Protein backbone atom coordinates (compact mmCIF):
# COMPACT_ATOMS: atom_id res chain seq x y z
CA MET A 1 127.19 88.64 131.24
CA GLN A 2 127.38 89.32 134.93
CA ASN A 3 131.16 89.72 134.96
CA GLN A 4 131.47 91.59 131.68
CA SER A 5 132.46 95.22 132.02
CA GLU A 6 130.39 96.29 129.02
CA SER A 7 127.21 94.86 127.59
CA GLN A 8 125.45 95.70 124.37
CA PHE A 9 122.22 95.83 126.39
CA LEU A 10 123.51 98.19 129.05
CA VAL A 11 121.82 101.58 129.03
CA THR A 12 123.56 104.19 131.11
CA MET A 13 122.15 107.53 132.12
CA SER A 14 124.57 109.24 129.74
CA THR A 15 123.10 107.36 126.76
CA ALA A 16 119.48 107.30 127.90
CA LYS A 17 118.92 111.05 127.65
CA PRO A 18 120.16 111.45 124.06
CA VAL A 19 117.98 108.49 123.02
CA ARG A 20 114.94 110.09 124.66
CA GLU A 21 115.74 113.34 122.90
CA LYS A 22 116.05 111.58 119.54
CA VAL A 23 112.71 109.80 120.04
CA ALA A 24 111.05 113.06 121.09
CA ALA A 25 112.48 114.84 118.04
CA HIS A 26 111.31 112.02 115.74
CA ARG A 27 107.78 112.13 117.17
CA GLN A 28 107.75 115.92 116.84
CA ARG A 29 108.67 115.61 113.15
CA LEU A 30 105.78 113.16 112.74
CA ARG A 31 103.37 115.58 114.44
CA ASP A 32 104.66 118.40 112.25
CA ALA A 33 103.84 116.21 109.23
CA GLY A 34 100.28 115.74 110.53
CA ARG A 35 100.84 112.27 111.93
CA ILE A 36 100.07 110.96 115.43
CA TYR A 37 101.90 108.10 117.14
CA VAL A 38 99.53 105.26 118.11
CA ASN A 39 100.51 102.22 120.15
CA THR A 40 98.37 99.11 120.57
CA ASP A 41 98.57 95.42 121.28
CA LEU A 42 97.28 92.80 118.84
CA PRO A 43 96.84 89.02 118.86
CA ALA A 44 99.94 87.17 117.64
CA ASP A 45 98.09 85.57 114.71
CA LEU A 46 97.02 88.99 113.44
CA VAL A 47 100.59 90.29 113.70
CA ASP A 48 101.73 87.23 111.73
CA CYS A 49 99.26 88.21 109.00
CA LEU A 50 100.54 91.80 109.03
CA ASP A 51 104.10 90.52 108.67
CA LYS A 52 103.12 88.29 105.75
CA ILE A 53 101.39 91.15 103.93
CA LYS A 54 104.33 93.45 104.68
CA ALA A 55 106.76 90.98 103.11
CA GLU A 56 104.53 90.26 100.10
CA ARG A 57 104.11 93.96 99.31
CA GLY A 58 107.68 94.92 100.12
CA LEU A 59 106.62 97.44 102.74
CA ALA A 60 109.08 98.78 105.28
CA SER A 61 106.97 98.43 108.41
CA ARG A 62 103.88 96.96 110.02
CA ALA A 63 102.66 100.54 110.42
CA GLN A 64 102.36 100.86 106.64
CA VAL A 65 100.27 97.67 106.47
CA PHE A 66 98.11 98.82 109.35
CA GLU A 67 97.61 102.25 107.75
CA LEU A 68 96.54 100.73 104.42
CA ALA A 69 94.14 98.33 106.16
CA LEU A 70 92.68 101.07 108.34
CA LYS A 71 92.19 103.38 105.34
CA ALA A 72 90.34 100.60 103.49
CA PHE A 73 88.18 99.93 106.55
CA VAL A 74 87.32 103.61 107.03
CA GLU A 75 86.52 104.08 103.33
CA ASN A 76 84.25 101.02 103.44
CA GLU A 77 82.49 102.28 106.58
CA MET A 78 81.97 105.74 105.08
CA ARG A 79 80.26 104.19 102.04
CA ALA A 80 77.93 102.10 104.21
């Protein structure tokens, strides 16, 4: 890789800005839809469980699994 003129992992300043702009625009669309971006770290075994549930239910992302689980947790807590 050292002697290659181009790398698929190379990020140049000319490509970094448009990517940042796309991410910012995506997050703005989420905010406009009433959603907030949340980032967290989880134990690997829990992520494995999320991935298994995601595959079993045919969901597109871990975020969908996490949202369903969190909704169920909140509903359960509100009833308690």
